[in-house]
Amino acid sequence: MSENNRLGVFKTYKLYVGGKFPRSESGRVYEVTDSKGQWLANAPQSSRKDARDAVVAARKAFGGWSGATAYNRGQVLYRVAEMLEGRKDQFVREVAASEGLSKSKAAAVVDAAIDRWVWYAGWTDKIGQISGGANPVAGPFFNLSTPEPTGVVAVLAPRKSSLLGLVSVIAPVIATGNTAVVVASADAPLPALSLGEVLATSDVPGGVVNILSGVTAELSAPLAAHQDVNAIDLTGAAPALAKELEIAAADNLKRVLRPGPVDADGAADWTASPGTHRLTAFLETKTVWHPTGALGAAGSSY
């Protein structure tokens, strides 16, 4: 058959929940367009039940992921970077179309997203050294503080940065042992849905990251009020919505990460050094007291 007569195979984008690729429970889809308004694909429009299913999957995966060694989590995150590197051309096309960038600028964004995975992979077994330690006490005790993951974190991905911003909010959550339910950018969800395919072919256990696409306000409300969600990142929420979600999150004392400073067009500068504040945002500190005891007949202690 002549190449000119061949019908193209359009990609069917699906959600990523529990390590699988379901369609939306509601069966709904919505059109995704590029910066010029041209059709790119139909993305699944997630429902509230999809959000609840994602929380169930994240909770189920939490025990194994949080119980893994920090070194092992670092290896897994580095593997994600490896797999993303192998599919760079696809992500360059999707980022260019989603964000209206030239091919060279989109390539730079994808490179930065890969490097961001490597950055956080290196921090998994080091964050405990800067957020925990031994505390001086007036008494014969050891007093040790160690960081532990918060639990299931709902993440509202940035609206403008479809890949680099997305990676910048997901990677620190899972690097510290949490599991994530991610609501992708409603306007540019395709790189996020493709990232689910990368995660599925990496060593990330199913349920550690769950990716939903659809209307941010519709999905974020049940996540903010969900009693089994322990924290929420409001990065992708507009100011009015963020205020409503913060009130809902207070019902079960969720940790809340508020949207950070933005530039003139409403998009944060995701190219800046990420620092460690997102790593510590969803960590709890456990402090343990232990008596030093006595050594030898003289009663000396250590």
Foldseek 3Di string as FASTA:
>chain_A
DDPVPDDDDADDFAWAAQLDGDAAPVNDWDFAFFPVRHTDYTYGAHAQVLLVRLLVLQQVCQVVLQPDALLVLLVLLLQLLVLLVVVLVVQLVLQCRLQVHDSVVSSVLSVLLSVLSNVLSVCLNPPQVVPWAWDDDDAQKTKTKGKGFQEEEEEEFAQRRQRLSRSLQLSLNSSRRYAYEYEGHQNRPVSVSVSSVSSSPTPNRGSSYTYHYHDCLRHLQCQLQPLSHQAYECQHPDPVSQVVSVVNNPPNDHQYHYHDDPDDVRHRDSSDDSPCPSNCSRIDMDMDMGGQFADDPVRHTD
